[in-house]
Amino acid sequence: MKKYTLILLITLSAFLMSQDINIISEIPSSVKVENIINNYIKKIGGEKNINKLQTIKKEFEINMEGLQNMDMKGELLYKVPDLYSSVLEIEKIGQIQSTKYDGKNCVIKRKHNSNTVEHKLEGKLLEDKIDEFSPFPILQYRKKNAVFTVTEIHKHKKETLYKVIIKKSETSEICLFFDKKSHLIVKKITLNGKTKQTTEYKNYKEIEGIMFPFLEISKTEIDDSPAQKSINTITSIIINEELPIERFQ
């Protein structure tokens, strides 16, 4: 009797879980990918306000799941047209990684034991990376006439999400999930070969008329096996601060 009760409970649990998420593969004709993207851009502040941004400075804290006493702090810098700086440090160790792009050269540095390993990105690797040097990559994809495709509508509890795919290559694509009600991006899945990275965006706040997520929860999988999970909490965002070129070199 206990055996059949357990089977019934498992079956009931699976049924209830299936009610939380419902995937509709047939897209209604009224759902247009252009409208989804335009509504998102309008919601975060509008392209006119976004174009007024000259620099963005983000400071953040990262908590790595399963690693005690390894909390990290970092800084992200953006400067038009595409200058970028990312610095990551651990309090007791100091800077452990940085990515700098000054518009011509992109250099990645990583600390390995007591040595610093430097790697310069060039060619196709740099071309693929440049899209990440924008605080709003979707605008970059649109400028490059990328093909956006709505493939599914996810109904999770009372929320409806539109899944939009940006195909980059045969083995690489980006999936963006837009909330139907808020028009904001709430999740991104990046597929690159055997690596899958899922990032959830939460706690949006307005800074000088522009909406930014202040909480990012990321999970990386390799060959469908969990590899890493982190929680990225934005502690401050400063817009249009003067940032000299040296900060990006």
C-alpha atoms as a PDB file:
ATOM      1  CA  MET A   1       0.000   0.000   0.000  1.00  0.00           C
ATOM      2  CA  LYS A   2       2.847   2.387   0.861  1.00  0.00           C
ATOM      3  CA  LYS A   3       4.409   1.675  -2.534  1.00  0.00           C
ATOM      4  CA  TYR A   4       1.268   2.696  -4.426  1.00  0.00           C
ATOM      5  CA  THR A   5       0.830   5.775  -2.221  1.00  0.00           C
ATOM      6  CA  LEU A   6       4.376   6.881  -3.073  1.00  0.00           C
ATOM      7  CA  ILE A   7       3.767   6.384  -6.798  1.00  0.00           C
ATOM      8  CA  LEU A   8       0.560   8.412  -6.545  1.00  0.00           C
ATOM      9  CA  LEU A   9       2.347  11.249  -4.758  1.00  0.00           C
ATOM     10  CA  ILE A  10       5.135  11.337  -7.365  1.00  0.00           C
ATOM     11  CA  THR A  11       2.599  11.353 -10.189  1.00  0.00           C
ATOM     12  CA  LEU A  12       0.571  14.104  -8.524  1.00  0.00           C
ATOM     13  CA  SER A  13       3.715  16.180  -7.936  1.00  0.00           C
ATOM     14  CA  ALA A  14       4.745  15.867 -11.584  1.00  0.00           C
ATOM     15  CA  PHE A  15       1.255  16.885 -12.662  1.00  0.00           C
ATOM     16  CA  LEU A  16       1.252  19.962 -10.438  1.00  0.00           C
ATOM     17  CA  MET A  17       4.697  20.973 -11.675  1.00  0.00           C
ATOM     18  CA  SER A  18       3.532  20.667 -15.257  1.00  0.00           C
ATOM     19  CA  GLN A  19       0.802  23.187 -14.500  1.00  0.00           C
ATOM     20  CA  ASP A  20       3.363  25.839 -13.522  1.00  0.00           C
ATOM     21  CA  ILE A  21       5.032  25.974 -16.931  1.00  0.00           C
ATOM     22  CA  ASN A  22       3.188  25.595 -20.198  1.00  0.00           C
ATOM     23  CA  ILE A  23       5.018  26.010 -23.491  1.00  0.00           C
ATOM     24  CA  ILE A  24       2.991  27.133 -26.489  1.00  0.00           C
ATOM     25  CA  SER A  25       4.961  26.418 -29.647  1.00  0.00           C
ATOM     26  CA  GLU A  26       2.407  27.897 -32.053  1.00  0.00           C
ATOM     27  CA  ILE A  27       2.878  31.660 -31.986  1.00  0.00           C
ATOM     28  CA  PRO A  28      -0.250  33.833 -32.437  1.00  0.00           C
ATOM     29  CA  SER A  29      -0.066  36.041 -35.531  1.00  0.00           C
ATOM     30  CA  SER A  30      -0.551  39.093 -33.298  1.00  0.00           C
ATOM     31  CA  VAL A  31       2.839  38.485 -31.601  1.00  0.00           C
ATOM     32  CA  LYS A  32       5.511  40.326 -33.590  1.00  0.00           C
ATOM     33  CA  VAL A  33       9.184  40.195 -32.641  1.00  0.00           C
ATOM     34  CA  GLU A  34       9.641  43.840 -33.660  1.00  0.00           C
ATOM     35  CA  ASN A  35       6.963  44.891 -31.174  1.00  0.00           C
ATOM     36  CA  ILE A  36       8.532  42.834 -28.380  1.00  0.00           C
ATOM     37  CA  ILE A  37      11.918  44.498 -28.878  1.00  0.00           C
ATOM     38  CA  ASN A  38      10.470  47.991 -29.344  1.00  0.00           C
ATOM     39  CA  ASN A  39       8.396  47.630 -26.167  1.00  0.00           C
ATOM     40  CA  TYR A  40      11.499  46.554 -24.261  1.00  0.00           C
ATOM     41  CA  ILE A  41      13.567  49.519 -25.485  1.00  0.00           C
ATOM     42  CA  LYS A  42      10.725  51.904 -24.647  1.00  0.00           C
ATOM     43  CA  LYS A  43      10.332  50.357 -21.192  1.00  0.00           C
ATOM     44  CA  ILE A  44      13.999  50.715 -20.204  1.00  0.00           C
ATOM     45  CA  GLY A  45      13.993  54.393 -21.122  1.00  0.00           C
ATOM     46  CA  GLY A  46      13.723  54.728 -24.875  1.00  0.00           C
ATOM     47  CA  GLU A  47      16.418  54.868 -27.530  1.00  0.00           C
ATOM     48  CA  LYS A  48      16.638  58.665 -27.326  1.00  0.00           C
ATOM     49  CA  ASN A  49      17.600  58.568 -23.631  1.00  0.00           C
ATOM     50  CA  ILE A  50      19.891  55.589 -24.147  1.00  0.00           C
ATOM     51  CA  ASN A  51      21.758  57.494 -26.863  1.00  0.00           C
ATOM     52  CA  LYS A  52      22.495  60.254 -24.339  1.00  0.00           C
ATOM     53  CA  LEU A  53      24.586  57.845 -22.289  1.00  0.00           C
ATOM     54  CA  GLN A  54      28.293  58.523 -22.670  1.00  0.00           C
ATOM     55  CA  THR A  55      29.582  56.349 -19.824  1.00  0.00           C
ATOM     56  CA  ILE A  56      28.210  53.842 -17.324  1.00  0.00           C
ATOM     57  CA  LYS A  57      29.993  52.672 -14.205  1.00  0.00           C
ATOM     58  CA  LYS A  58      28.691  49.623 -12.339  1.00  0.00           C
ATOM     59  CA  GLU A  59      29.996  48.278  -9.063  1.00  0.00           C
ATOM     60  CA  PHE A  60      28.908  44.837  -7.942  1.00  0.00           C
ATOM     61  CA  GLU A  61      29.422  41.953  -5.540  1.00  0.00           C
ATOM     62  CA  ILE A  62      29.495  38.281  -6.551  1.00  0.00           C
ATOM     63  CA  ASN A  63      28.684  35.323  -4.353  1.00  0.00           C
ATOM     64  CA  MET A  64      29.839  31.976  -5.773  1.00  0.00           C
ATOM     65  CA  GLU A  65      27.689  29.089  -4.643  1.00  0.00           C
ATOM     66  CA  GLY A  66      29.649  26.430  -2.759  1.00  0.00           C
ATOM     67  CA  LEU A  67      32.734  28.602  -2.241  1.00  0.00           C
ATOM     68  CA  GLN A  68      33.056  30.039   1.247  1.00  0.00           C
ATOM     69  CA  ASN A  69      35.155  33.133   1.888  1.00  0.00           C
ATOM     70  CA  MET A  70      35.385  33.651  -1.872  1.00  0.00           C
ATOM     71  CA  ASP A  71      33.013  36.586  -2.246  1.00  0.00           C
ATOM     72  CA  MET A  72      34.195  38.913  -4.955  1.00  0.00           C
ATOM     73  CA  LYS A  73      33.791  42.549  -5.878  1.00  0.00           C
ATOM     74  CA  GLY A  74      33.993  44.051  -9.305  1.00  0.00           C
ATOM     75  CA  GLU A  75      33.595  47.047 -11.538  1.00  0.00           C
ATOM     76  CA  LEU A  76      32.202  47.398 -15.055  1.00  0.00           C
ATOM     77  CA  LEU A  77      32.873  50.442 -17.202  1.00  0.00           C
ATOM     78  CA  TYR A  78      31.242  51.314 -20.522  1.00  0.00           C
ATOM     79  CA  LYS A  79      32.073  54.275 -22.738  1.00  0.00           C
ATOM     80  CA  VAL A  80      30.683  55.098 -26.172  1.00  0.00           C
ATOM     81  CA  PRO A  81      31.110  53.892 -28.794  1.00  0.00           C
ATOM     82  CA  ASP A  82      32.330  50.517 -27.499  1.00  0.00           C
ATOM     83  CA  LEU A  83      35.049  50.963 -24.848  1.00  0.00           C
ATOM     84  CA  TYR A  84      34.811  48.427 -22.050  1.00  0.00           C
ATOM     85  CA  SER A  85      36.492  47.490 -18.778  1.00  0.00           C
ATOM     86  CA  SER A  86      35.739  44.666 -16.378  1.00  0.00           C
ATOM     87  CA  VAL A  87      37.738  44.148 -13.172  1.00  0.00           C
ATOM     88  CA  LEU A  88      37.201  41.394 -10.613  1.00  0.00           C
ATOM     89  CA  GLU A  89      38.950  41.101  -7.252  1.00  0.00           C
ATOM     90  CA  ILE A  90      38.963  39.098  -4.023  1.00  0.00           C
ATOM     91  CA  GLU A  91      39.650  41.088  -0.873  1.00  0.00           C
ATOM     92  CA  LYS A  92      42.453  38.896   0.478  1.00  0.00           C
ATOM     93  CA  ILE A  93      44.026  38.276  -2.921  1.00  0.00           C
ATOM     94  CA  GLY A  94      43.477  41.437  -4.930  1.00  0.00           C
ATOM     95  CA  GLN A  95      42.644  41.631  -8.633  1.00  0.00           C
ATOM     96  CA  ILE A  96      42.169  38.198 -10.155  1.00  0.00           C
ATOM     97  CA  GLN A  97      40.825  39.037 -13.612  1.00  0.00           C
ATOM     98  CA  SER A  98      40.327  41.951 -15.963  1.00  0.00           C
ATOM     99  CA  THR A  99      39.111  42.571 -19.509  1.00  0.00           C
ATOM    100  CA  LYS A 100      40.040  45.860 -21.157  1.00  0.00           C
ATOM    101  CA  TYR A 101      39.036  47.142 -24.602  1.00  0.00           C
ATOM    102  CA  ASP A 102      40.090  50.626 -25.716  1.00  0.00           C
ATOM    103  CA  GLY A 103      38.425  50.532 -29.112  1.00  0.00           C
ATOM    104  CA  LYS A 104      41.401  48.829 -30.796  1.00  0.00           C
ATOM    105  CA  ASN A 105      43.021  46.356 -28.431  1.00  0.00           C
ATOM    106  CA  CYS A 106      41.341  43.854 -26.140  1.00  0.00           C
ATOM    107  CA  VAL A 107      43.453  42.318 -23.381  1.00  0.00           C
ATOM    108  CA  ILE A 108      42.323  39.745 -20.820  1.00  0.00           C
ATOM    109  CA  LYS A 109      44.427  39.208 -17.706  1.00  0.00           C
ATOM    110  CA  ARG A 110      43.981  36.408 -15.204  1.00  0.00           C
ATOM    111  CA  LYS A 111      45.868  35.728 -12.018  1.00  0.00           C
ATOM    112  CA  HIS A 112      47.050  32.131 -11.749  1.00  0.00           C
ATOM    113  CA  ASN A 113      48.720  31.383  -8.430  1.00  0.00           C
ATOM    114  CA  SER A 114      51.312  34.161  -8.150  1.00  0.00           C
ATOM    115  CA  ASN A 115      51.542  34.761 -11.906  1.00  0.00           C
ATOM    116  CA  THR A 116      49.435  36.954 -14.182  1.00  0.00           C
ATOM    117  CA  VAL A 117      48.546  35.435 -17.543  1.00  0.00           C
ATOM    118  CA  GLU A 118      47.788  37.904 -20.336  1.00  0.00           C
ATOM    119  CA  HIS A 119      45.856  37.094 -23.495  1.00  0.00           C
ATOM    120  CA  LYS A 120      45.038  39.407 -26.395  1.00  0.00           C
ATOM    121  CA  LEU A 121      41.811  38.855 -28.310  1.00  0.00           C
ATOM    122  CA  GLU A 122      41.963  39.348 -32.066  1.00  0.00           C
ATOM    123  CA  GLY A 123      40.067  38.492 -35.234  1.00  0.00           C
ATOM    124  CA  LYS A 124      36.881  36.435 -34.930  1.00  0.00           C
ATOM    125  CA  LEU A 125      37.264  36.019 -31.158  1.00  0.00           C
ATOM    126  CA  LEU A 126      37.285  39.782 -30.696  1.00  0.00           C
ATOM    127  CA  GLU A 127      34.456  40.268 -33.169  1.00  0.00           C
ATOM    128  CA  ASP A 128      32.250  37.871 -31.184  1.00  0.00           C
ATOM    129  CA  LYS A 129      33.206  39.484 -27.882  1.00  0.00           C
ATOM    130  CA  ILE A 130      32.526  43.099 -28.889  1.00  0.00           C
ATOM    131  CA  ASP A 131      28.754  42.626 -28.613  1.00  0.00           C
ATOM    132  CA  GLU A 132      29.246  42.097 -24.874  1.00  0.00           C
ATOM    133  CA  PHE A 133      30.982  45.472 -24.587  1.00  0.00           C
ATOM    134  CA  SER A 134      27.631  47.238 -24.788  1.00  0.00           C
ATOM    135  CA  PRO A 135      25.372  47.695 -21.726  1.00  0.00           C
ATOM    136  CA  PHE A 136      22.409  46.997 -24.033  1.00  0.00           C
ATOM    137  CA  PRO A 137      23.630  44.316 -26.489  1.00  0.00           C
ATOM    138  CA  ILE A 138      20.244  43.977 -28.154  1.00  0.00           C
ATOM    139  CA  LEU A 139      20.739  47.428 -29.703  1.00  0.00           C
ATOM    140  CA  GLN A 140      24.029  46.245 -31.170  1.00  0.00           C
ATOM    141  CA  TYR A 141      22.409  43.145 -32.637  1.00  0.00           C
ATOM    142  CA  ARG A 142      19.697  45.265 -34.212  1.00  0.00           C
ATOM    143  CA  LYS A 143      22.256  47.645 -35.756  1.00  0.00           C
ATOM    144  CA  LYS A 144      23.964  44.617 -37.293  1.00  0.00           C
ATOM    145  CA  ASN A 145      20.627  43.465 -38.757  1.00  0.00           C
ATOM    146  CA  ALA A 146      20.633  40.276 -36.704  1.00  0.00           C
ATOM    147  CA  VAL A 147      17.673  37.965 -37.256  1.00  0.00           C
ATOM    148  CA  PHE A 148      15.337  37.827 -34.241  1.00  0.00           C
ATOM    149  CA  THR A 149      12.845  34.971 -34.064  1.00  0.00           C
ATOM    150  CA  VAL A 150      10.000  34.381 -31.612  1.00  0.00           C
ATOM    151  CA  THR A 151       9.934  30.633 -31.111  1.00  0.00           C
ATOM    152  CA  GLU A 152       7.871  29.969 -27.986  1.00  0.00           C
ATOM    153  CA  ILE A 153       5.572  31.501 -25.428  1.00  0.00           C
ATOM    154  CA  HIS A 154       6.153  30.268 -21.876  1.00  0.00           C
ATOM    155  CA  LYS A 155       3.331  30.553 -19.368  1.00  0.00           C
ATOM    156  CA  HIS A 156       4.774  30.254 -15.878  1.00  0.00           C
ATOM    157  CA  LYS A 157       2.073  30.538 -13.190  1.00  0.00           C
ATOM    158  CA  LYS A 158       0.533  33.948 -13.993  1.00  0.00           C
ATOM    159  CA  GLU A 159       3.449  35.193 -16.095  1.00  0.00           C
ATOM    160  CA  THR A 160       3.766  34.989 -19.866  1.00  0.00           C
ATOM    161  CA  LEU A 161       7.247  35.114 -21.393  1.00  0.00           C
ATOM    162  CA  TYR A 162       8.176  35.520 -25.047  1.00  0.00           C
ATOM    163  CA  LYS A 163      11.275  33.590 -26.103  1.00  0.00           C
ATOM    164  CA  VAL A 164      13.293  35.404 -28.763  1.00  0.00           C
ATOM    165  CA  ILE A 165      16.283  33.705 -30.384  1.00  0.00           C
ATOM    166  CA  ILE A 166      19.306  35.414 -31.923  1.00  0.00           C
ATOM    167  CA  LYS A 167      21.214  32.872 -33.999  1.00  0.00           C
ATOM    168  CA  LYS A 168      24.940  33.661 -34.091  1.00  0.00           C
ATOM    169  CA  SER A 169      26.272  30.467 -35.697  1.00  0.00           C
ATOM    170  CA  GLU A 170      25.466  26.778 -36.090  1.00  0.00           C
ATOM    171  CA  THR A 171      26.615  26.086 -32.523  1.00  0.00           C
ATOM    172  CA  SER A 172      25.973  29.448 -30.876  1.00  0.00           C
ATOM    173  CA  GLU A 173      22.767  31.319 -30.092  1.00  0.00           C
ATOM    174  CA  ILE A 174      21.243  33.672 -27.549  1.00  0.00           C
ATOM    175  CA  CYS A 175      17.726  33.199 -26.165  1.00  0.00           C
ATOM    176  CA  LEU A 176      16.073  36.217 -24.541  1.00  0.00           C
ATOM    177  CA  PHE A 177      12.921  35.911 -22.450  1.00  0.00           C
ATOM    178  CA  PHE A 178      10.699  39.008 -22.356  1.00  0.00           C
ATOM    179  CA  ASP A 179       7.951  39.388 -19.784  1.00  0.00           C
ATOM    180  CA  LYS A 180       4.695  40.143 -21.590  1.00  0.00           C
ATOM    181  CA  LYS A 181       3.408  42.434 -18.836  1.00  0.00           C
ATOM    182  CA  SER A 182       6.536  44.400 -17.889  1.00  0.00           C
ATOM    183  CA  HIS A 183       8.222  44.165 -21.355  1.00  0.00           C
ATOM    184  CA  LEU A 184      11.555  43.645 -19.552  1.00  0.00           C
ATOM    185  CA  ILE A 185      14.133  40.938 -20.237  1.00  0.00           C
ATOM    186  CA  VAL A 186      13.900  38.560 -17.273  1.00  0.00           C
ATOM    187  CA  LYS A 187      16.173  35.771 -18.490  1.00  0.00           C
ATOM    188  CA  LYS A 188      18.899  35.079 -21.024  1.00  0.00           C
ATOM    189  CA  ILE A 189      20.247  31.713 -22.147  1.00  0.00           C
ATOM    190  CA  THR A 190      23.515  31.672 -24.075  1.00  0.00           C
ATOM    191  CA  LEU A 191      24.360  28.459 -25.915  1.00  0.00           C
ATOM    192  CA  ASN A 192      27.913  28.068 -27.148  1.00  0.00           C
ATOM    193  CA  GLY A 193      28.840  24.541 -28.182  1.00  0.00           C
ATOM    194  CA  LYS A 194      28.532  22.324 -25.108  1.00  0.00           C
ATOM    195  CA  THR A 195      28.311  25.260 -22.706  1.00  0.00           C
ATOM    196  CA  LYS A 196      24.994  26.717 -21.580  1.00  0.00           C
ATOM    197  CA  GLN A 197      24.777  29.828 -19.423  1.00  0.00           C
ATOM    198  CA  THR A 198      21.469  30.930 -17.940  1.00  0.00           C
ATOM    199  CA  THR A 199      21.106  34.371 -16.345  1.00  0.00           C
ATOM    200  CA  GLU A 200      18.015  35.665 -14.573  1.00  0.00           C
ATOM    201  CA  TYR A 201      17.519  39.429 -14.283  1.00  0.00           C
ATOM    202  CA  LYS A 202      15.651  40.753 -11.257  1.00  0.00           C
ATOM    203  CA  ASN A 203      15.091  43.858  -9.163  1.00  0.00           C
ATOM    204  CA  TYR A 204      14.985  46.447 -11.946  1.00  0.00           C
ATOM    205  CA  LYS A 205      15.514  50.043 -10.811  1.00  0.00           C
ATOM    206  CA  GLU A 206      15.490  53.372 -12.622  1.00  0.00           C
ATOM    207  CA  ILE A 207      18.704  55.398 -12.729  1.00  0.00           C
ATOM    208  CA  GLU A 208      18.306  58.804 -14.381  1.00  0.00           C
ATOM    209  CA  GLY A 209      15.487  57.568 -16.574  1.00  0.00           C
ATOM    210  CA  ILE A 210      17.095  54.248 -17.559  1.00  0.00           C
ATOM    211  CA  MET A 211      16.055  50.857 -16.143  1.00  0.00           C
ATOM    212  CA  PHE A 212      18.774  48.450 -14.963  1.00  0.00           C
ATOM    213  CA  PRO A 213      18.527  45.045 -13.249  1.00  0.00           C
ATOM    214  CA  PHE A 214      20.271  45.100  -9.865  1.00  0.00           C
ATOM    215  CA  LEU A 215      20.286  41.342  -9.345  1.00  0.00           C
ATOM    216  CA  GLU A 216      21.652  38.747 -11.773  1.00  0.00           C
ATOM    217  CA  ILE A 217      21.588  35.030 -10.990  1.00  0.00           C
ATOM    218  CA  SER A 218      23.782  33.006 -13.338  1.00  0.00           C
ATOM    219  CA  LYS A 219      24.154  29.273 -13.818  1.00  0.00           C
ATOM    220  CA  THR A 220      26.638  27.578 -16.136  1.00  0.00           C
ATOM    221  CA  GLU A 221      26.258  24.033 -17.437  1.00  0.00           C
ATOM    222  CA  ILE A 222      28.718  21.994 -19.485  1.00  0.00           C
ATOM    223  CA  ASP A 223      27.421  18.890 -21.254  1.00  0.00           C
ATOM    224  CA  ASP A 224      24.145  19.352 -19.300  1.00  0.00           C
ATOM    225  CA  SER A 225      26.001  19.068 -15.987  1.00  0.00           C
ATOM    226  CA  PRO A 226      26.004  21.981 -13.478  1.00  0.00           C
ATOM    227  CA  ALA A 227      29.405  23.684 -13.404  1.00  0.00           C
ATOM    228  CA  GLN A 228      28.935  26.990 -11.580  1.00  0.00           C
ATOM    229  CA  LYS A 229      26.289  29.214 -10.014  1.00  0.00           C
ATOM    230  CA  SER A 230      26.741  32.819  -8.935  1.00  0.00           C
ATOM    231  CA  ILE A 231      24.678  35.717  -7.606  1.00  0.00           C
ATOM    232  CA  ASN A 232      25.674  39.130  -8.888  1.00  0.00           C
ATOM    233  CA  THR A 233      24.329  42.051  -6.841  1.00  0.00           C
ATOM    234  CA  ILE A 234      24.777  45.531  -8.292  1.00  0.00           C
ATOM    235  CA  THR A 235      25.680  47.964  -5.518  1.00  0.00           C
ATOM    236  CA  SER A 236      25.840  51.182  -7.539  1.00  0.00           C
ATOM    237  CA  ILE A 237      25.402  52.576 -11.052  1.00  0.00           C
ATOM    238  CA  ILE A 238      26.813  55.952 -12.057  1.00  0.00           C
ATOM    239  CA  ILE A 239      25.941  57.482 -15.428  1.00  0.00           C
ATOM    240  CA  ASN A 240      28.042  59.904 -17.503  1.00  0.00           C
ATOM    241  CA  GLU A 241      30.978  60.122 -15.136  1.00  0.00           C
ATOM    242  CA  GLU A 242      34.185  61.281 -16.820  1.00  0.00           C
ATOM    243  CA  LEU A 243      36.252  58.162 -17.580  1.00  0.00           C
ATOM    244  CA  PRO A 244      39.711  58.662 -19.131  1.00  0.00           C
ATOM    245  CA  ILE A 245      40.980  56.275 -21.812  1.00  0.00           C
ATOM    246  CA  GLU A 246      43.533  54.866 -19.339  1.00  0.00           C
ATOM    247  CA  ARG A 247      40.715  53.098 -17.480  1.00  0.00           C
ATOM    248  CA  PHE A 248      40.206  50.947 -20.577  1.00  0.00           C
ATOM    249  CA  GLN A 249      43.857  50.059 -21.207  1.00  0.00           C
END
